[in-house]
All heavy atoms as atom14 arrays in JSON, in Angstrom:
{
  "sequence": "GLVQAGGSLRLSCAASGSIGSIKPMAWYRRTPGKQRELVAAISSGGY",
  "atom14_mask": [
    [1, 1, 1, 1, 0, 0, 0, 0, 0, 0, 0, 0, 0, 0],
    [1, 1, 1, 1, 1, 1, 1, 1, 0, 0, 0, 0, 0, 0],
    [1, 1, 1, 1, 1, 1, 1, 0, 0, 0, 0, 0, 0, 0],
    [1, 1, 1, 1, 1, 1, 1, 1, 1, 0, 0, 0, 0, 0],
    [1, 1, 1, 1, 1, 0, 0, 0, 0, 0, 0, 0, 0, 0],
    [1, 1, 1, 1, 0, 0, 0, 0, 0, 0, 0, 0, 0, 0],
    [1, 1, 1, 1, 0, 0, 0, 0, 0, 0, 0, 0, 0, 0],
    [1, 1, 1, 1, 1, 1, 0, 0, 0, 0, 0, 0, 0, 0],
    [1, 1, 1, 1, 1, 1, 1, 1, 0, 0, 0, 0, 0, 0],
    [1, 1, 1, 1, 1, 1, 1, 1, 1, 1, 1, 0, 0, 0],
    [1, 1, 1, 1, 1, 1, 1, 1, 0, 0, 0, 0, 0, 0],
    [1, 1, 1, 1, 1, 1, 0, 0, 0, 0, 0, 0, 0, 0],
    [1, 1, 1, 1, 1, 1, 0, 0, 0, 0, 0, 0, 0, 0],
    [1, 1, 1, 1, 1, 0, 0, 0, 0, 0, 0, 0, 0, 0],
    [1, 1, 1, 1, 1, 0, 0, 0, 0, 0, 0, 0, 0, 0],
    [1, 1, 1, 1, 1, 1, 0, 0, 0, 0, 0, 0, 0, 0],
    [1, 1, 1, 1, 0, 0, 0, 0, 0, 0, 0, 0, 0, 0],
    [1, 1, 1, 1, 1, 1, 0, 0, 0, 0, 0, 0, 0, 0],
    [1, 1, 1, 1, 1, 1, 1, 1, 0, 0, 0, 0, 0, 0],
    [1, 1, 1, 1, 0, 0, 0, 0, 0, 0, 0, 0, 0, 0],
    [1, 1, 1, 1, 1, 1, 0, 0, 0, 0, 0, 0, 0, 0],
    [1, 1, 1, 1, 1, 1, 1, 1, 0, 0, 0, 0, 0, 0],
    [1, 1, 1, 1, 1, 1, 1, 1, 1, 0, 0, 0, 0, 0],
    [1, 1, 1, 1, 1, 1, 1, 0, 0, 0, 0, 0, 0, 0],
    [1, 1, 1, 1, 1, 1, 1, 1, 0, 0, 0, 0, 0, 0],
    [1, 1, 1, 1, 1, 0, 0, 0, 0, 0, 0, 0, 0, 0],
    [1, 1, 1, 1, 1, 1, 1, 1, 1, 1, 1, 1, 1, 1],
    [1, 1, 1, 1, 1, 1, 1, 1, 1, 1, 1, 1, 0, 0],
    [1, 1, 1, 1, 1, 1, 1, 1, 1, 1, 1, 0, 0, 0],
    [1, 1, 1, 1, 1, 1, 1, 1, 1, 1, 1, 0, 0, 0],
    [1, 1, 1, 1, 1, 1, 1, 0, 0, 0, 0, 0, 0, 0],
    [1, 1, 1, 1, 1, 1, 1, 0, 0, 0, 0, 0, 0, 0],
    [1, 1, 1, 1, 0, 0, 0, 0, 0, 0, 0, 0, 0, 0],
    [1, 1, 1, 1, 1, 1, 1, 1, 1, 0, 0, 0, 0, 0],
    [1, 1, 1, 1, 1, 1, 1, 1, 1, 0, 0, 0, 0, 0],
    [1, 1, 1, 1, 1, 1, 1, 1, 1, 1, 1, 0, 0, 0],
    [1, 1, 1, 1, 1, 1, 1, 1, 1, 0, 0, 0, 0, 0],
    [1, 1, 1, 1, 1, 1, 1, 1, 0, 0, 0, 0, 0, 0],
    [1, 1, 1, 1, 1, 1, 1, 0, 0, 0, 0, 0, 0, 0],
    [1, 1, 1, 1, 1, 0, 0, 0, 0, 0, 0, 0, 0, 0],
    [1, 1, 1, 1, 1, 0, 0, 0, 0, 0, 0, 0, 0, 0],
    [1, 1, 1, 1, 1, 1, 1, 1, 0, 0, 0, 0, 0, 0],
    [1, 1, 1, 1, 1, 1, 0, 0, 0, 0, 0, 0, 0, 0],
    [1, 1, 1, 1, 1, 1, 0, 0, 0, 0, 0, 0, 0, 0],
    [1, 1, 1, 1, 0, 0, 0, 0, 0, 0, 0, 0, 0, 0],
    [1, 1, 1, 1, 0, 0, 0, 0, 0, 0, 0, 0, 0, 0],
    [1, 1, 1, 1, 1, 1, 1, 1, 1, 1, 1, 1, 0, 0]
  ],
  "atom14_positions": [
    [[325.38, 68.76, 43.54], [326.22, 67.51, 43.42], [325.64, 66.51, 44.43], [324.52, 66.52, 44.87], [0.0, 0.0, 0.0], [0.0, 0.0, 0.0], [0.0, 0.0, 0.0], [0.0, 0.0, 0.0], [0.0, 0.0, 0.0], [0.0, 0.0, 0.0], [0.0, 0.0, 0.0], [0.0, 0.0, 0.0], [0.0, 0.0, 0.0], [0.0, 0.0, 0.0]],
    [[326.45, 65.48, 44.56], [326.03, 64.43, 45.52], [326.9, 64.56, 46.85], [328.01, 64.68, 46.8], [326.39, 63.1, 44.82], [326.3, 61.82, 45.6], [324.74, 61.55, 46.06], [326.75, 60.56, 44.86], [0.0, 0.0, 0.0], [0.0, 0.0, 0.0], [0.0, 0.0, 0.0], [0.0, 0.0, 0.0], [0.0, 0.0, 0.0], [0.0, 0.0, 0.0]],
    [[326.08, 64.39, 47.88], [326.72, 64.54, 49.24], [326.06, 63.61, 50.21], [324.89, 63.3, 49.96], [326.62, 65.99, 49.7], [325.28, 66.35, 49.95], [327.49, 66.28, 50.93], [0.0, 0.0, 0.0], [0.0, 0.0, 0.0], [0.0, 0.0, 0.0], [0.0, 0.0, 0.0], [0.0, 0.0, 0.0], [0.0, 0.0, 0.0], [0.0, 0.0, 0.0]],
    [[326.81, 63.2, 51.21], [326.16, 62.3, 52.16], [325.37, 63.07, 53.16], [325.63, 64.31, 53.33], [327.24, 61.5, 52.9], [327.91, 60.46, 52.11], [328.88, 59.53, 52.97], [329.42, 60.02, 53.89], [328.96, 58.29, 52.59], [0.0, 0.0, 0.0], [0.0, 0.0, 0.0], [0.0, 0.0, 0.0], [0.0, 0.0, 0.0], [0.0, 0.0, 0.0]],
    [[324.42, 62.47, 53.75], [323.59, 63.13, 54.82], [324.6, 63.65, 55.95], [325.53, 63.07, 56.3], [322.6, 62.21, 55.53], [0.0, 0.0, 0.0], [0.0, 0.0, 0.0], [0.0, 0.0, 0.0], [0.0, 0.0, 0.0], [0.0, 0.0, 0.0], [0.0, 0.0, 0.0], [0.0, 0.0, 0.0], [0.0, 0.0, 0.0], [0.0, 0.0, 0.0]],
    [[324.22, 64.93, 56.28], [325.06, 65.67, 57.26], [326.16, 66.56, 56.64], [326.82, 67.33, 57.29], [0.0, 0.0, 0.0], [0.0, 0.0, 0.0], [0.0, 0.0, 0.0], [0.0, 0.0, 0.0], [0.0, 0.0, 0.0], [0.0, 0.0, 0.0], [0.0, 0.0, 0.0], [0.0, 0.0, 0.0], [0.0, 0.0, 0.0], [0.0, 0.0, 0.0]],
    [[326.35, 66.36, 55.33], [327.41, 67.2, 54.6], [326.84, 68.5, 54.2], [325.74, 68.9, 54.6], [0.0, 0.0, 0.0], [0.0, 0.0, 0.0], [0.0, 0.0, 0.0], [0.0, 0.0, 0.0], [0.0, 0.0, 0.0], [0.0, 0.0, 0.0], [0.0, 0.0, 0.0], [0.0, 0.0, 0.0], [0.0, 0.0, 0.0], [0.0, 0.0, 0.0]],
    [[327.68, 69.22, 53.41], [327.4, 70.56, 52.97], [327.61, 70.77, 51.53], [328.45, 70.08, 50.93], [328.28, 71.58, 53.83], [328.05, 71.43, 55.16], [0.0, 0.0, 0.0], [0.0, 0.0, 0.0], [0.0, 0.0, 0.0], [0.0, 0.0, 0.0], [0.0, 0.0, 0.0], [0.0, 0.0, 0.0], [0.0, 0.0, 0.0], [0.0, 0.0, 0.0]],
    [[326.96, 71.71, 51.04], [327.14, 72.16, 49.64], [326.9, 73.62, 49.58], [326.15, 74.18, 50.51], [326.17, 71.48, 48.61], [326.45, 70.05, 48.22], [325.34, 69.53, 47.37], [327.81, 69.85, 47.44], [0.0, 0.0, 0.0], [0.0, 0.0, 0.0], [0.0, 0.0, 0.0], [0.0, 0.0, 0.0], [0.0, 0.0, 0.0], [0.0, 0.0, 0.0]],
    [[327.47, 74.24, 48.6], [327.16, 75.75, 48.47], [326.71, 75.98, 47.06], [327.43, 75.72, 45.99], [328.29, 76.65, 48.71], [327.9, 78.11, 48.77], [329.08, 79.06, 49.04], [329.93, 79.32, 47.91], [330.61, 80.43, 47.8], [330.59, 81.42, 48.66], [331.37, 80.58, 46.67], [0.0, 0.0, 0.0], [0.0, 0.0, 0.0], [0.0, 0.0, 0.0]],
    [[325.51, 76.39, 46.78], [324.94, 76.79, 45.47], [325.24, 78.2, 45.27], [325.23, 79.05, 46.1], [323.44, 76.57, 45.45], [322.91, 75.14, 45.76], [321.43, 75.05, 45.57], [323.73, 74.06, 44.99], [0.0, 0.0, 0.0], [0.0, 0.0, 0.0], [0.0, 0.0, 0.0], [0.0, 0.0, 0.0], [0.0, 0.0, 0.0], [0.0, 0.0, 0.0]],
    [[325.53, 78.51, 43.95], [325.71, 79.84, 43.5], [324.75, 80.15, 42.3], [324.39, 79.22, 41.67], [327.11, 80.1, 43.01], [328.02, 79.87, 44.01], [0.0, 0.0, 0.0], [0.0, 0.0, 0.0], [0.0, 0.0, 0.0], [0.0, 0.0, 0.0], [0.0, 0.0, 0.0], [0.0, 0.0, 0.0], [0.0, 0.0, 0.0], [0.0, 0.0, 0.0]],
    [[324.3, 81.42, 42.25], [323.43, 81.81, 41.14], [324.01, 83.13, 40.63], [323.92, 84.21, 41.36], [322.02, 81.95, 41.71], [320.89, 82.74, 40.52], [0.0, 0.0, 0.0], [0.0, 0.0, 0.0], [0.0, 0.0, 0.0], [0.0, 0.0, 0.0], [0.0, 0.0, 0.0], [0.0, 0.0, 0.0], [0.0, 0.0, 0.0], [0.0, 0.0, 0.0]],
    [[324.38, 83.13, 39.39], [324.85, 84.33, 38.72], [323.85, 84.89, 37.69], [323.44, 84.11, 36.84], [326.22, 84.04, 38.11], [0.0, 0.0, 0.0], [0.0, 0.0, 0.0], [0.0, 0.0, 0.0], [0.0, 0.0, 0.0], [0.0, 0.0, 0.0], [0.0, 0.0, 0.0], [0.0, 0.0, 0.0], [0.0, 0.0, 0.0], [0.0, 0.0, 0.0]],
    [[323.58, 86.15, 37.9], [322.7, 86.81, 36.95], [323.58, 87.71, 36.06], [324.45, 88.37, 36.48], [321.66, 87.54, 37.71], [0.0, 0.0, 0.0], [0.0, 0.0, 0.0], [0.0, 0.0, 0.0], [0.0, 0.0, 0.0], [0.0, 0.0, 0.0], [0.0, 0.0, 0.0], [0.0, 0.0, 0.0], [0.0, 0.0, 0.0], [0.0, 0.0, 0.0]],
    [[323.11, 87.78, 34.8], [323.88, 88.7, 33.86], [322.83, 89.26, 32.81], [321.7, 88.81, 32.76], [324.91, 87.91, 33.08], [324.32, 86.76, 32.39], [0.0, 0.0, 0.0], [0.0, 0.0, 0.0], [0.0, 0.0, 0.0], [0.0, 0.0, 0.0], [0.0, 0.0, 0.0], [0.0, 0.0, 0.0], [0.0, 0.0, 0.0], [0.0, 0.0, 0.0]],
    [[323.28, 90.2, 32.08], [322.43, 90.83, 31.16], [321.9, 92.22, 31.6], [322.54, 92.89, 32.46], [0.0, 0.0, 0.0], [0.0, 0.0, 0.0], [0.0, 0.0, 0.0], [0.0, 0.0, 0.0], [0.0, 0.0, 0.0], [0.0, 0.0, 0.0], [0.0, 0.0, 0.0], [0.0, 0.0, 0.0], [0.0, 0.0, 0.0], [0.0, 0.0, 0.0]],
    [[320.76, 92.57, 31.12], [320.22, 93.9, 31.4], [319.39, 93.84, 32.67], [318.26, 94.01, 32.76], [319.28, 94.36, 30.31], [319.97, 94.3, 28.96], [0.0, 0.0, 0.0], [0.0, 0.0, 0.0], [0.0, 0.0, 0.0], [0.0, 0.0, 0.0], [0.0, 0.0, 0.0], [0.0, 0.0, 0.0], [0.0, 0.0, 0.0], [0.0, 0.0, 0.0]],
    [[320.25, 93.84, 33.77], [319.63, 93.69, 35.11], [319.23, 95.0, 35.7], [318.15, 95.14, 36.24], [320.57, 92.96, 36.1], [320.92, 91.6, 35.59], [320.01, 92.97, 37.47], [322.03, 90.89, 36.37], [0.0, 0.0, 0.0], [0.0, 0.0, 0.0], [0.0, 0.0, 0.0], [0.0, 0.0, 0.0], [0.0, 0.0, 0.0], [0.0, 0.0, 0.0]],
    [[319.96, 96.04, 35.51], [319.63, 97.34, 36.06], [319.9, 97.37, 37.54], [320.93, 96.91, 37.97], [0.0, 0.0, 0.0], [0.0, 0.0, 0.0], [0.0, 0.0, 0.0], [0.0, 0.0, 0.0], [0.0, 0.0, 0.0], [0.0, 0.0, 0.0], [0.0, 0.0, 0.0], [0.0, 0.0, 0.0], [0.0, 0.0, 0.0], [0.0, 0.0, 0.0]],
    [[318.88, 97.84, 38.29], [319.14, 97.92, 39.76], [319.08, 96.59, 40.4], [318.7, 95.56, 39.79], [318.07, 98.83, 40.41], [316.8, 98.31, 40.08], [0.0, 0.0, 0.0], [0.0, 0.0, 0.0], [0.0, 0.0, 0.0], [0.0, 0.0, 0.0], [0.0, 0.0, 0.0], [0.0, 0.0, 0.0], [0.0, 0.0, 0.0], [0.0, 0.0, 0.0]],
    [[319.41, 96.51, 41.69], [319.42, 95.23, 42.41], [318.02, 94.65, 42.48], [317.08, 95.37, 42.84], [320.05, 95.48, 43.81], [321.48, 95.97, 43.74], [320.02, 94.2, 44.65], [322.06, 96.48, 45.02], [0.0, 0.0, 0.0], [0.0, 0.0, 0.0], [0.0, 0.0, 0.0], [0.0, 0.0, 0.0], [0.0, 0.0, 0.0], [0.0, 0.0, 0.0]],
    [[317.9, 93.4, 42.22], [316.6, 92.72, 42.18], [316.44, 91.7, 43.31], [317.44, 91.08, 43.68], [316.42, 92.02, 40.8], [316.49, 93.08, 39.6], [315.28, 94.07, 39.75], [315.15, 94.85, 38.41], [316.41, 95.57, 38.09], [0.0, 0.0, 0.0], [0.0, 0.0, 0.0], [0.0, 0.0, 0.0], [0.0, 0.0, 0.0], [0.0, 0.0, 0.0]],
    [[315.25, 91.45, 43.67], [315.02, 90.36, 44.59], [315.46, 88.97, 43.9], [315.14, 88.87, 42.71], [313.53, 90.35, 44.89], [313.11, 91.75, 44.54], [314.03, 92.16, 43.37], [0.0, 0.0, 0.0], [0.0, 0.0, 0.0], [0.0, 0.0, 0.0], [0.0, 0.0, 0.0], [0.0, 0.0, 0.0], [0.0, 0.0, 0.0], [0.0, 0.0, 0.0]],
    [[315.99, 88.07, 44.69], [316.3, 86.79, 44.12], [315.91, 85.73, 45.14], [315.71, 86.03, 46.35], [317.74, 86.71, 43.75], [318.17, 87.7, 42.67], [319.88, 87.58, 42.2], [320.0, 86.04, 41.3], [0.0, 0.0, 0.0], [0.0, 0.0, 0.0], [0.0, 0.0, 0.0], [0.0, 0.0, 0.0], [0.0, 0.0, 0.0], [0.0, 0.0, 0.0]],
    [[315.75, 84.44, 44.6], [315.39, 83.38, 45.49], [315.73, 82.1, 44.99], [316.03, 81.92, 43.78], [313.79, 83.46, 45.55], [0.0, 0.0, 0.0], [0.0, 0.0, 0.0], [0.0, 0.0, 0.0], [0.0, 0.0, 0.0], [0.0, 0.0, 0.0], [0.0, 0.0, 0.0], [0.0, 0.0, 0.0], [0.0, 0.0, 0.0], [0.0, 0.0, 0.0]],
    [[315.77, 81.07, 45.89], [316.05, 79.73, 45.59], [314.75, 78.91, 45.79], [314.07, 79.05, 46.81], [317.14, 79.18, 46.39], [318.49, 79.64, 46.11], [319.22, 80.67, 46.62], [319.36, 79.1, 45.06], [320.42, 80.82, 46.04], [320.53, 79.84, 45.03], [319.19, 78.14, 44.13], [321.51, 79.68, 44.2], [320.29, 77.8, 43.25], [321.48, 78.58, 43.26]],
    [[314.41, 78.13, 44.77], [313.38, 77.2, 44.84], [313.88, 75.75, 44.67], [315.05, 75.63, 44.13], [312.29, 77.47, 43.86], [311.41, 78.69, 44.08], [312.0, 80.03, 43.9], [310.1, 78.56, 44.44], [311.27, 81.13, 44.21], [309.32, 79.66, 44.73], [309.85, 80.97, 44.53], [309.13, 82.03, 44.79], [0.0, 0.0, 0.0], [0.0, 0.0, 0.0]],
    [[313.13, 74.77, 45.02], [313.48, 73.42, 44.65], [312.19, 72.64, 44.34], [311.15, 72.92, 44.7], [314.13, 72.75, 45.87], [313.32, 72.52, 47.07], [314.21, 71.97, 48.29], [313.48, 71.81, 49.49], [314.0, 71.49, 50.64], [315.4, 71.37, 50.75], [313.33, 71.27, 51.73], [0.0, 0.0, 0.0], [0.0, 0.0, 0.0], [0.0, 0.0, 0.0]],
    [[312.5, 71.58, 43.55], [311.45, 70.72, 43.1], [311.9, 69.22, 43.05], [313.0, 68.93, 42.64], [311.01, 71.07, 41.61], [309.95, 70.08, 41.02], [309.63, 70.4, 39.65], [308.71, 71.61, 39.62], [308.49, 72.38, 38.46], [309.13, 71.98, 37.4], [307.67, 73.34, 38.48], [0.0, 0.0, 0.0], [0.0, 0.0, 0.0], [0.0, 0.0, 0.0]],
    [[311.03, 68.38, 43.69], [311.28, 67.03, 43.69], [310.16, 66.37, 42.86], [309.11, 66.92, 42.62], [311.19, 66.4, 45.12], [309.95, 66.78, 45.68], [312.4, 66.95, 45.86], [0.0, 0.0, 0.0], [0.0, 0.0, 0.0], [0.0, 0.0, 0.0], [0.0, 0.0, 0.0], [0.0, 0.0, 0.0], [0.0, 0.0, 0.0], [0.0, 0.0, 0.0]],
    [[310.44, 65.16, 42.23], [309.48, 64.54, 41.36], [308.14, 64.39, 42.06], [308.11, 63.89, 43.24], [310.15, 63.21, 41.08], [311.57, 63.47, 41.21], [311.67, 64.42, 42.32], [0.0, 0.0, 0.0], [0.0, 0.0, 0.0], [0.0, 0.0, 0.0], [0.0, 0.0, 0.0], [0.0, 0.0, 0.0], [0.0, 0.0, 0.0], [0.0, 0.0, 0.0]],
    [[307.05, 64.72, 41.38], [305.67, 64.51, 41.93], [305.34, 65.68, 42.95], [304.17, 65.57, 43.41], [0.0, 0.0, 0.0], [0.0, 0.0, 0.0], [0.0, 0.0, 0.0], [0.0, 0.0, 0.0], [0.0, 0.0, 0.0], [0.0, 0.0, 0.0], [0.0, 0.0, 0.0], [0.0, 0.0, 0.0], [0.0, 0.0, 0.0], [0.0, 0.0, 0.0]],
    [[306.11, 66.65, 43.06], [305.84, 67.75, 43.99], [305.91, 69.04, 43.3], [306.61, 69.14, 42.39], [306.69, 67.74, 45.26], [306.59, 66.53, 46.21], [307.45, 66.69, 47.37], [307.23, 65.48, 48.33], [308.08, 65.7, 49.6], [0.0, 0.0, 0.0], [0.0, 0.0, 0.0], [0.0, 0.0, 0.0], [0.0, 0.0, 0.0], [0.0, 0.0, 0.0]],
    [[305.24, 69.99, 43.85], [305.3, 71.37, 43.34], [306.59, 71.95, 43.75], [307.25, 71.61, 44.67], [304.13, 72.25, 43.84], [302.79, 71.81, 43.25], [301.75, 72.79, 43.6], [301.8, 73.44, 44.68], [300.73, 73.08, 42.79], [0.0, 0.0, 0.0], [0.0, 0.0, 0.0], [0.0, 0.0, 0.0], [0.0, 0.0, 0.0], [0.0, 0.0, 0.0]],
    [[307.0, 72.99, 42.88], [308.28, 73.75, 43.28], [307.96, 74.5, 44.59], [306.89, 75.1, 44.67], [308.58, 74.67, 42.09], [309.96, 75.33, 42.26], [310.43, 75.84, 40.98], [309.35, 76.53, 40.16], [309.45, 76.95, 38.87], [310.56, 76.65, 38.18], [308.51, 77.59, 38.35], [0.0, 0.0, 0.0], [0.0, 0.0, 0.0], [0.0, 0.0, 0.0]],
    [[308.89, 74.47, 45.49], [308.69, 75.16, 46.73], [309.77, 76.22, 46.98], [310.94, 75.97, 46.61], [308.65, 74.2, 47.92], [309.95, 73.4, 48.18], [309.9, 72.7, 49.44], [309.16, 72.92, 50.35], [310.83, 71.77, 49.59], [0.0, 0.0, 0.0], [0.0, 0.0, 0.0], [0.0, 0.0, 0.0], [0.0, 0.0, 0.0], [0.0, 0.0, 0.0]],
    [[309.47, 77.24, 47.69], [310.42, 78.32, 47.95], [311.28, 77.71, 49.17], [310.88, 77.16, 50.07], [309.7, 79.54, 48.44], [310.64, 80.61, 48.95], [311.37, 81.25, 47.82], [309.86, 81.69, 49.68], [0.0, 0.0, 0.0], [0.0, 0.0, 0.0], [0.0, 0.0, 0.0], [0.0, 0.0, 0.0], [0.0, 0.0, 0.0], [0.0, 0.0, 0.0]],
    [[312.62, 77.89, 48.89], [313.59, 77.48, 49.83], [314.11, 78.74, 50.68], [314.09, 78.72, 51.84], [314.83, 76.8, 49.23], [315.86, 76.47, 50.26], [314.39, 75.57, 48.43], [0.0, 0.0, 0.0], [0.0, 0.0, 0.0], [0.0, 0.0, 0.0], [0.0, 0.0, 0.0], [0.0, 0.0, 0.0], [0.0, 0.0, 0.0], [0.0, 0.0, 0.0]],
    [[314.55, 79.72, 50.0], [315.04, 80.94, 50.56], [314.93, 82.09, 49.66], [315.07, 81.87, 48.38], [316.5, 80.78, 51.08], [0.0, 0.0, 0.0], [0.0, 0.0, 0.0], [0.0, 0.0, 0.0], [0.0, 0.0, 0.0], [0.0, 0.0, 0.0], [0.0, 0.0, 0.0], [0.0, 0.0, 0.0], [0.0, 0.0, 0.0], [0.0, 0.0, 0.0]],
    [[314.79, 83.33, 50.12], [314.61, 84.49, 49.34], [315.33, 85.64, 49.93], [315.56, 85.71, 51.17], [313.23, 84.89, 49.07], [0.0, 0.0, 0.0], [0.0, 0.0, 0.0], [0.0, 0.0, 0.0], [0.0, 0.0, 0.0], [0.0, 0.0, 0.0], [0.0, 0.0, 0.0], [0.0, 0.0, 0.0], [0.0, 0.0, 0.0], [0.0, 0.0, 0.0]],
    [[315.88, 86.5, 49.2], [316.56, 87.73, 49.57], [316.11, 88.86, 48.79], [316.02, 88.9, 47.59], [318.14, 87.53, 49.56], [318.82, 88.74, 50.22], [318.67, 87.25, 48.09], [320.34, 88.47, 50.53], [0.0, 0.0, 0.0], [0.0, 0.0, 0.0], [0.0, 0.0, 0.0], [0.0, 0.0, 0.0], [0.0, 0.0, 0.0], [0.0, 0.0, 0.0]],
    [[315.75, 89.98, 49.46], [315.24, 91.1, 48.8], [316.4, 92.04, 48.3], [317.6, 91.69, 48.58], [314.4, 91.95, 49.77], [315.23, 92.54, 50.76], [0.0, 0.0, 0.0], [0.0, 0.0, 0.0], [0.0, 0.0, 0.0], [0.0, 0.0, 0.0], [0.0, 0.0, 0.0], [0.0, 0.0, 0.0], [0.0, 0.0, 0.0], [0.0, 0.0, 0.0]],
    [[316.04, 93.02, 47.5], [317.06, 93.96, 47.04], [317.73, 94.62, 48.15], [318.92, 94.96, 48.05], [316.47, 94.91, 46.14], [315.44, 95.67, 46.74], [0.0, 0.0, 0.0], [0.0, 0.0, 0.0], [0.0, 0.0, 0.0], [0.0, 0.0, 0.0], [0.0, 0.0, 0.0], [0.0, 0.0, 0.0], [0.0, 0.0, 0.0], [0.0, 0.0, 0.0]],
    [[317.1, 94.77, 49.36], [317.67, 95.43, 50.45], [318.36, 94.45, 51.45], [318.85, 94.86, 52.44], [0.0, 0.0, 0.0], [0.0, 0.0, 0.0], [0.0, 0.0, 0.0], [0.0, 0.0, 0.0], [0.0, 0.0, 0.0], [0.0, 0.0, 0.0], [0.0, 0.0, 0.0], [0.0, 0.0, 0.0], [0.0, 0.0, 0.0], [0.0, 0.0, 0.0]],
    [[318.38, 93.2, 51.06], [319.14, 92.13, 51.86], [318.22, 91.45, 52.92], [318.79, 90.62, 53.66], [0.0, 0.0, 0.0], [0.0, 0.0, 0.0], [0.0, 0.0, 0.0], [0.0, 0.0, 0.0], [0.0, 0.0, 0.0], [0.0, 0.0, 0.0], [0.0, 0.0, 0.0], [0.0, 0.0, 0.0], [0.0, 0.0, 0.0], [0.0, 0.0, 0.0]],
    [[316.98, 91.72, 52.98], [316.1, 90.98, 53.86], [315.92, 89.55, 53.36], [315.71, 89.32, 52.19], [314.83, 91.62, 54.05], [314.9, 93.03, 54.76], [314.86, 94.21, 53.99], [315.06, 93.08, 56.1], [315.0, 95.4, 54.54], [315.14, 94.38, 56.73], [315.16, 95.45, 55.96], [315.24, 96.77, 56.58], [0.0, 0.0, 0.0], [0.0, 0.0, 0.0]]
  ]
}
Protein backbone atom coordinates (compact mmCIF):
# COMPACT_ATOMS: atom_id res chain seq x y z
CA GLY A 1 0.00 0.00 0.00
CA LEU A 2 0.85 3.67 0.33
CA VAL A 3 2.43 4.96 3.51
CA GLN A 4 4.30 8.06 4.58
CA ALA A 5 7.98 7.94 5.38
CA GLY A 6 8.52 6.67 8.89
CA GLY A 7 5.39 4.58 8.77
CA SER A 8 4.85 0.83 8.82
CA LEU A 9 3.32 -1.90 6.74
CA ARG A 10 3.11 -5.65 7.14
CA LEU A 11 3.35 -7.90 4.13
CA SER A 12 2.01 -11.44 4.14
CA CYS A 13 2.76 -14.31 1.83
CA ALA A 14 0.52 -17.36 1.83
CA ALA A 15 1.59 -20.54 0.10
CA SER A 16 -0.85 -23.26 -0.86
CA GLY A 17 -0.97 -26.43 -2.90
CA SER A 18 1.37 -29.41 -2.92
CA ILE A 19 3.94 -27.92 -0.58
CA GLY A 20 4.93 -30.96 1.42
CA SER A 21 7.52 -30.22 4.07
CA ILE A 22 8.43 -26.73 5.25
CA LYS A 23 10.29 -24.81 2.54
CA PRO A 24 12.64 -21.85 2.55
CA MET A 25 10.88 -18.62 1.67
CA ALA A 26 12.04 -15.12 0.92
CA TRP A 27 10.99 -11.60 0.06
CA TYR A 28 12.47 -9.75 -2.88
CA ARG A 29 11.76 -6.34 -4.30
CA ARG A 30 12.13 -4.63 -7.64
CA THR A 31 12.13 -1.00 -8.60
CA PRO A 32 11.95 0.25 -12.22
CA GLY A 33 15.31 0.03 -13.92
CA LYS A 34 16.84 -2.13 -11.22
CA GLN A 35 17.32 -5.81 -10.74
CA ARG A 36 15.23 -7.69 -8.26
CA GLU A 37 17.03 -7.73 -4.91
CA LEU A 38 16.75 -9.95 -1.88
CA VAL A 39 15.12 -8.22 1.07
CA ALA A 40 14.84 -11.00 3.64
CA ALA A 41 14.87 -14.78 3.73
CA ILE A 42 13.89 -17.45 6.20
CA SER A 43 14.97 -21.06 6.06
CA SER A 44 12.86 -24.09 6.79
CA GLY A 45 14.50 -24.13 10.22
CA GLY A 46 13.71 -20.48 10.91
CA TYR A 47 17.14 -18.97 10.23
